[in-house]
Amino acid sequence: MSITCFIRYQIDPFQRAAFAEYAEKWASIIPRCGGDLVGYFTPYEGSNDIGWGLISCESLAAYEAYRARLRADPDARANFLFSNGRRFILREQRTFLENIDATLHRPAPKTAPK
């Protein structure tokens, strides 16, 4: 069974660019520490203060090991300090979801149906 940690962020809508910078920094850190980064998402239309991050692991135990490596990683610590210093994340909620693996990463066909 694989799981995905679904992180819902309430962000300062006037600091969306800072949230995007924070998210982009995770692109190298999370995989290096053992997480499968599904992606980070910033508001585009509709609510302008909610962002998301999705990180998958093989199990909850693998997620806990990944989090321990993250806490020890100098780049991860620097990114956490960046977010704390700029205060663009107002609230963070984590939900753990069980993946239905057959449905993950299913791209549309290269040619659209006619």
N, C-alpha and C. Protein backbone atom coordinates (compact mmCIF):
# COMPACT_ATOMS: atom_id res chain seq x y z
N MET A 1 0.84 -1.17 0.00
CA MET A 1 0.00 0.00 0.00
C MET A 1 0.89 1.24 0.00
N SER A 2 0.62 2.15 -0.90
CA SER A 2 1.32 3.43 -0.88
C SER A 2 0.35 4.51 -0.39
N ILE A 3 0.95 5.56 0.18
CA ILE A 3 0.14 6.65 0.72
C ILE A 3 0.61 7.97 0.12
N THR A 4 -0.27 8.94 0.15
CA THR A 4 0.07 10.30 -0.24
C THR A 4 -0.30 11.22 0.89
N CYS A 5 0.65 12.05 1.28
CA CYS A 5 0.40 13.09 2.25
C CYS A 5 -0.10 14.30 1.47
N PHE A 6 -1.32 14.68 1.73
CA PHE A 6 -1.97 15.81 1.07
C PHE A 6 -1.88 16.97 2.04
N ILE A 7 -1.10 17.99 1.68
CA ILE A 7 -0.90 19.14 2.55
C ILE A 7 -1.69 20.32 1.99
N ARG A 8 -2.57 20.85 2.80
CA ARG A 8 -3.36 22.03 2.42
C ARG A 8 -2.78 23.22 3.17
N TYR A 9 -2.36 24.21 2.41
CA TYR A 9 -1.78 25.41 2.99
C TYR A 9 -2.75 26.57 2.84
N GLN A 10 -2.95 27.32 3.91
CA GLN A 10 -3.57 28.63 3.78
C GLN A 10 -2.40 29.60 3.72
N ILE A 11 -2.33 30.36 2.64
CA ILE A 11 -1.19 31.25 2.43
C ILE A 11 -1.65 32.70 2.39
N ASP A 12 -0.73 33.59 2.65
CA ASP A 12 -0.99 35.02 2.51
C ASP A 12 -1.16 35.28 1.02
N PRO A 13 -2.34 35.74 0.57
CA PRO A 13 -2.56 35.92 -0.87
C PRO A 13 -1.64 36.96 -1.49
N PHE A 14 -1.04 37.82 -0.68
CA PHE A 14 -0.12 38.82 -1.21
C PHE A 14 1.30 38.29 -1.32
N GLN A 15 1.51 37.02 -0.89
CA GLN A 15 2.84 36.42 -0.96
C GLN A 15 2.81 35.09 -1.74
N ARG A 16 1.97 35.03 -2.75
CA ARG A 16 1.89 33.81 -3.56
C ARG A 16 3.24 33.50 -4.21
N ALA A 17 3.97 34.51 -4.63
CA ALA A 17 5.28 34.29 -5.26
C ALA A 17 6.26 33.66 -4.26
N ALA A 18 6.19 34.07 -3.00
CA ALA A 18 7.06 33.47 -1.98
C ALA A 18 6.69 32.01 -1.76
N PHE A 19 5.39 31.69 -1.76
CA PHE A 19 4.97 30.30 -1.63
C PHE A 19 5.48 29.48 -2.81
N ALA A 20 5.40 30.04 -4.02
CA ALA A 20 5.89 29.33 -5.21
C ALA A 20 7.40 29.09 -5.10
N GLU A 21 8.14 30.06 -4.61
CA GLU A 21 9.59 29.89 -4.41
C GLU A 21 9.87 28.79 -3.41
N TYR A 22 9.14 28.79 -2.32
CA TYR A 22 9.24 27.75 -1.29
C TYR A 22 8.98 26.37 -1.90
N ALA A 23 7.91 26.26 -2.68
CA ALA A 23 7.54 24.99 -3.29
C ALA A 23 8.63 24.53 -4.27
N GLU A 24 9.15 25.43 -5.07
CA GLU A 24 10.18 25.06 -6.05
C GLU A 24 11.43 24.52 -5.38
N LYS A 25 11.77 25.03 -4.21
CA LYS A 25 12.94 24.54 -3.49
C LYS A 25 12.77 23.07 -3.08
N TRP A 26 11.52 22.65 -2.83
CA TRP A 26 11.27 21.26 -2.44
C TRP A 26 11.51 20.29 -3.60
N ALA A 27 11.52 20.78 -4.82
CA ALA A 27 11.66 19.90 -5.99
C ALA A 27 12.91 19.04 -5.95
N SER A 28 13.99 19.54 -5.39
CA SER A 28 15.20 18.72 -5.27
C SER A 28 15.34 18.10 -3.89
N ILE A 29 14.82 18.78 -2.87
CA ILE A 29 15.00 18.31 -1.50
C ILE A 29 14.17 17.06 -1.20
N ILE A 30 12.89 17.09 -1.54
CA ILE A 30 11.99 15.98 -1.20
C ILE A 30 12.45 14.66 -1.82
N PRO A 31 12.72 14.60 -3.13
CA PRO A 31 13.18 13.33 -3.70
C PRO A 31 14.52 12.86 -3.08
N ARG A 32 15.42 13.79 -2.81
CA ARG A 32 16.71 13.43 -2.21
C ARG A 32 16.52 12.81 -0.83
N CYS A 33 15.47 13.22 -0.12
CA CYS A 33 15.21 12.69 1.22
C CYS A 33 14.30 11.46 1.21
N GLY A 34 13.86 11.04 0.03
CA GLY A 34 13.11 9.79 -0.07
C GLY A 34 11.62 9.91 -0.34
N GLY A 35 11.12 11.10 -0.54
CA GLY A 35 9.70 11.27 -0.86
C GLY A 35 9.49 11.34 -2.36
N ASP A 36 8.35 10.84 -2.82
CA ASP A 36 7.96 10.94 -4.23
C ASP A 36 7.11 12.20 -4.34
N LEU A 37 7.70 13.26 -4.86
CA LEU A 37 7.00 14.53 -4.96
C LEU A 37 6.02 14.49 -6.11
N VAL A 38 4.73 14.45 -5.79
CA VAL A 38 3.68 14.50 -6.80
C VAL A 38 3.60 15.92 -7.34
N GLY A 39 3.67 16.91 -6.44
CA GLY A 39 3.70 18.30 -6.88
C GLY A 39 3.17 19.25 -5.84
N TYR A 40 3.48 20.51 -6.08
CA TYR A 40 2.93 21.62 -5.31
C TYR A 40 2.06 22.43 -6.25
N PHE A 41 1.02 23.03 -5.70
CA PHE A 41 0.05 23.76 -6.50
C PHE A 41 -0.27 25.07 -5.80
N THR A 42 -0.31 26.14 -6.59
CA THR A 42 -0.60 27.47 -6.06
C THR A 42 -1.90 27.97 -6.67
N PRO A 43 -2.59 28.87 -6.02
CA PRO A 43 -3.87 29.36 -6.55
C PRO A 43 -3.72 29.96 -7.95
N TYR A 44 -4.70 29.69 -8.77
CA TYR A 44 -4.74 30.26 -10.12
C TYR A 44 -6.04 31.04 -10.31
N GLU A 45 -7.16 30.37 -10.06
CA GLU A 45 -8.48 30.99 -10.11
C GLU A 45 -9.25 30.58 -8.88
N GLY A 46 -10.26 31.32 -8.56
CA GLY A 46 -11.06 31.00 -7.39
C GLY A 46 -10.36 31.51 -6.14
N SER A 47 -10.34 30.70 -5.10
CA SER A 47 -9.70 31.10 -3.84
C SER A 47 -8.23 31.46 -4.11
N ASN A 48 -7.81 32.58 -3.56
CA ASN A 48 -6.43 33.00 -3.81
C ASN A 48 -5.53 32.78 -2.62
N ASP A 49 -5.99 32.02 -1.62
CA ASP A 49 -5.16 31.84 -0.43
C ASP A 49 -4.97 30.37 -0.04
N ILE A 50 -5.24 29.44 -0.95
CA ILE A 50 -5.08 28.02 -0.65
C ILE A 50 -4.11 27.41 -1.66
N GLY A 51 -3.09 26.74 -1.14
CA GLY A 51 -2.14 25.99 -1.97
C GLY A 51 -2.08 24.56 -1.47
N TRP A 52 -1.50 23.69 -2.28
CA TRP A 52 -1.42 22.26 -1.92
C TRP A 52 -0.05 21.71 -2.25
N GLY A 53 0.33 20.70 -1.48
CA GLY A 53 1.52 19.91 -1.75
C GLY A 53 1.15 18.45 -1.57
N LEU A 54 1.60 17.59 -2.50
CA LEU A 54 1.32 16.16 -2.42
C LEU A 54 2.63 15.39 -2.50
N ILE A 55 2.86 14.54 -1.50
CA ILE A 55 4.08 13.75 -1.40
C ILE A 55 3.69 12.32 -1.11
N SER A 56 4.16 11.39 -1.94
CA SER A 56 3.83 9.98 -1.76
C SER A 56 5.01 9.21 -1.19
N CYS A 57 4.68 8.15 -0.45
CA CYS A 57 5.67 7.22 0.10
C CYS A 57 5.06 5.82 0.04
N GLU A 58 5.92 4.82 0.17
CA GLU A 58 5.47 3.43 0.09
C GLU A 58 4.56 3.05 1.26
N SER A 59 4.76 3.68 2.40
CA SER A 59 3.99 3.35 3.60
C SER A 59 4.11 4.50 4.59
N LEU A 60 3.34 4.43 5.66
CA LEU A 60 3.45 5.44 6.71
C LEU A 60 4.82 5.38 7.37
N ALA A 61 5.37 4.17 7.52
CA ALA A 61 6.71 4.03 8.09
C ALA A 61 7.76 4.68 7.18
N ALA A 62 7.61 4.50 5.87
CA ALA A 62 8.53 5.14 4.92
C ALA A 62 8.39 6.65 4.98
N TYR A 63 7.18 7.14 5.18
CA TYR A 63 6.95 8.58 5.31
C TYR A 63 7.65 9.11 6.56
N GLU A 64 7.54 8.39 7.66
CA GLU A 64 8.20 8.82 8.90
C GLU A 64 9.72 8.85 8.74
N ALA A 65 10.28 7.86 8.03
CA ALA A 65 11.73 7.85 7.77
C ALA A 65 12.12 9.03 6.88
N TYR A 66 11.30 9.32 5.87
CA TYR A 66 11.52 10.47 5.00
C TYR A 66 11.51 11.76 5.82
N ARG A 67 10.54 11.92 6.72
CA ARG A 67 10.44 13.13 7.55
C ARG A 67 11.68 13.29 8.44
N ALA A 68 12.21 12.18 8.96
CA ALA A 68 13.42 12.25 9.78
C ALA A 68 14.60 12.73 8.94
N ARG A 69 14.72 12.22 7.71
CA ARG A 69 15.81 12.69 6.83
C ARG A 69 15.61 14.16 6.48
N LEU A 70 14.37 14.56 6.29
CA LEU A 70 14.06 15.96 5.97
C LEU A 70 14.51 16.88 7.11
N ARG A 71 14.22 16.49 8.36
CA ARG A 71 14.60 17.31 9.50
C ARG A 71 16.12 17.46 9.62
N ALA A 72 16.87 16.47 9.14
CA ALA A 72 18.33 16.50 9.22
C ALA A 72 18.98 17.18 8.02
N ASP A 73 18.22 17.45 6.98
CA ASP A 73 18.78 17.99 5.73
C ASP A 73 18.97 19.51 5.84
N PRO A 74 20.18 20.01 5.58
CA PRO A 74 20.43 21.46 5.72
C PRO A 74 19.57 22.31 4.77
N ASP A 75 19.35 21.86 3.54
CA ASP A 75 18.53 22.63 2.60
C ASP A 75 17.07 22.65 3.04
N ALA A 76 16.59 21.54 3.58
CA ALA A 76 15.21 21.50 4.08
C ALA A 76 15.05 22.43 5.26
N ARG A 77 16.00 22.40 6.18
CA ARG A 77 15.93 23.30 7.33
C ARG A 77 15.94 24.76 6.88
N ALA A 78 16.77 25.07 5.89
CA ALA A 78 16.82 26.44 5.36
C ALA A 78 15.49 26.84 4.74
N ASN A 79 14.83 25.91 4.05
CA ASN A 79 13.54 26.23 3.44
C ASN A 79 12.46 26.43 4.50
N PHE A 80 12.49 25.63 5.56
CA PHE A 80 11.56 25.85 6.66
C PHE A 80 11.79 27.23 7.30
N LEU A 81 13.06 27.60 7.47
CA LEU A 81 13.37 28.92 8.04
C LEU A 81 12.92 30.04 7.12
N PHE A 82 13.05 29.83 5.81
CA PHE A 82 12.57 30.81 4.83
C PHE A 82 11.07 31.04 5.01
N SER A 83 10.30 29.96 5.11
CA SER A 83 8.85 30.11 5.26
C SER A 83 8.49 30.73 6.61
N ASN A 84 9.19 30.36 7.66
CA ASN A 84 8.91 30.95 8.97
C ASN A 84 9.27 32.43 9.01
N GLY A 85 10.37 32.79 8.38
CA GLY A 85 10.81 34.18 8.38
C GLY A 85 9.89 35.09 7.57
N ARG A 86 9.40 34.59 6.45
CA ARG A 86 8.54 35.40 5.59
C ARG A 86 7.08 35.33 6.00
N ARG A 87 6.70 34.30 6.74
CA ARG A 87 5.34 34.14 7.30
C ARG A 87 4.25 34.14 6.24
N PHE A 88 4.51 33.50 5.10
CA PHE A 88 3.49 33.42 4.04
C PHE A 88 2.58 32.22 4.22
N ILE A 89 2.98 31.25 5.03
CA ILE A 89 2.10 30.11 5.35
C ILE A 89 1.39 30.45 6.65
N LEU A 90 0.07 30.61 6.56
CA LEU A 90 -0.72 30.97 7.73
C LEU A 90 -1.23 29.75 8.48
N ARG A 91 -1.44 28.67 7.74
CA ARG A 91 -1.97 27.44 8.34
C ARG A 91 -1.62 26.28 7.45
N GLU A 92 -1.38 25.13 8.05
CA GLU A 92 -1.01 23.92 7.30
C GLU A 92 -1.76 22.74 7.88
N GLN A 93 -2.41 21.96 7.01
CA GLN A 93 -3.13 20.76 7.43
C GLN A 93 -2.62 19.58 6.61
N ARG A 94 -2.41 18.45 7.26
CA ARG A 94 -1.97 17.24 6.57
C ARG A 94 -3.04 16.17 6.67
N THR A 95 -3.30 15.53 5.54
CA THR A 95 -4.21 14.40 5.47
C THR A 95 -3.46 13.29 4.76
N PHE A 96 -3.58 12.07 5.26
CA PHE A 96 -2.91 10.93 4.64
C PHE A 96 -3.94 10.11 3.88
N LEU A 97 -3.68 9.91 2.61
CA LEU A 97 -4.59 9.21 1.72
C LEU A 97 -3.96 7.92 1.23
N GLU A 98 -4.76 6.88 1.13
CA GLU A 98 -4.30 5.63 0.53
C GLU A 98 -4.45 5.76 -0.98
N ASN A 99 -3.37 5.49 -1.69
CA ASN A 99 -3.40 5.62 -3.15
C ASN A 99 -4.15 4.45 -3.78
N ILE A 100 -4.89 4.75 -4.81
CA ILE A 100 -5.44 3.73 -5.70
C ILE A 100 -4.49 3.75 -6.90
N ASP A 101 -3.48 2.90 -6.82
CA ASP A 101 -2.34 2.99 -7.73
C ASP A 101 -2.71 2.97 -9.21
N ALA A 102 -3.75 2.24 -9.58
CA ALA A 102 -4.14 2.16 -11.00
C ALA A 102 -4.63 3.50 -11.55
N THR A 103 -4.91 4.44 -10.65
CA THR A 103 -5.43 5.74 -11.11
C THR A 103 -4.39 6.85 -11.10
N LEU A 104 -3.18 6.59 -10.60
CA LEU A 104 -2.18 7.64 -10.47
C LEU A 104 -1.48 7.96 -11.78
N HIS A 105 -1.27 9.23 -12.01
CA HIS A 105 -0.47 9.72 -13.14
C HIS A 105 -0.96 9.14 -14.47
N ARG A 106 -2.22 9.31 -14.77
CA ARG A 106 -2.83 8.81 -16.00
C ARG A 106 -2.99 9.96 -16.99
N PRO A 107 -2.00 10.17 -17.85
CA PRO A 107 -2.08 11.30 -18.79
C PRO A 107 -3.11 11.05 -19.89
N ALA A 108 -3.56 12.15 -20.46
CA ALA A 108 -4.46 12.07 -21.62
C ALA A 108 -3.67 11.51 -22.80
N PRO A 109 -4.35 10.87 -23.76
CA PRO A 109 -3.64 10.37 -24.93
C PRO A 109 -2.99 11.53 -25.69
N LYS A 110 -1.93 11.23 -26.43
CA LYS A 110 -1.21 12.26 -27.18
C LYS A 110 -2.10 12.94 -28.22
N THR A 111 -3.00 12.19 -28.81
CA THR A 111 -3.94 12.79 -29.75
C THR A 111 -5.33 12.74 -29.14
N ALA A 112 -5.98 13.87 -29.15
CA ALA A 112 -7.31 13.96 -28.55
C ALA A 112 -8.32 13.22 -29.43
N PRO A 113 -9.30 12.56 -28.80
CA PRO A 113 -10.34 11.89 -29.57
C PRO A 113 -11.11 12.91 -30.42
N LYS A 114 -11.55 12.46 -31.58
CA LYS A 114 -12.31 13.36 -32.49
C LYS A 114 -13.78 13.14 -32.38
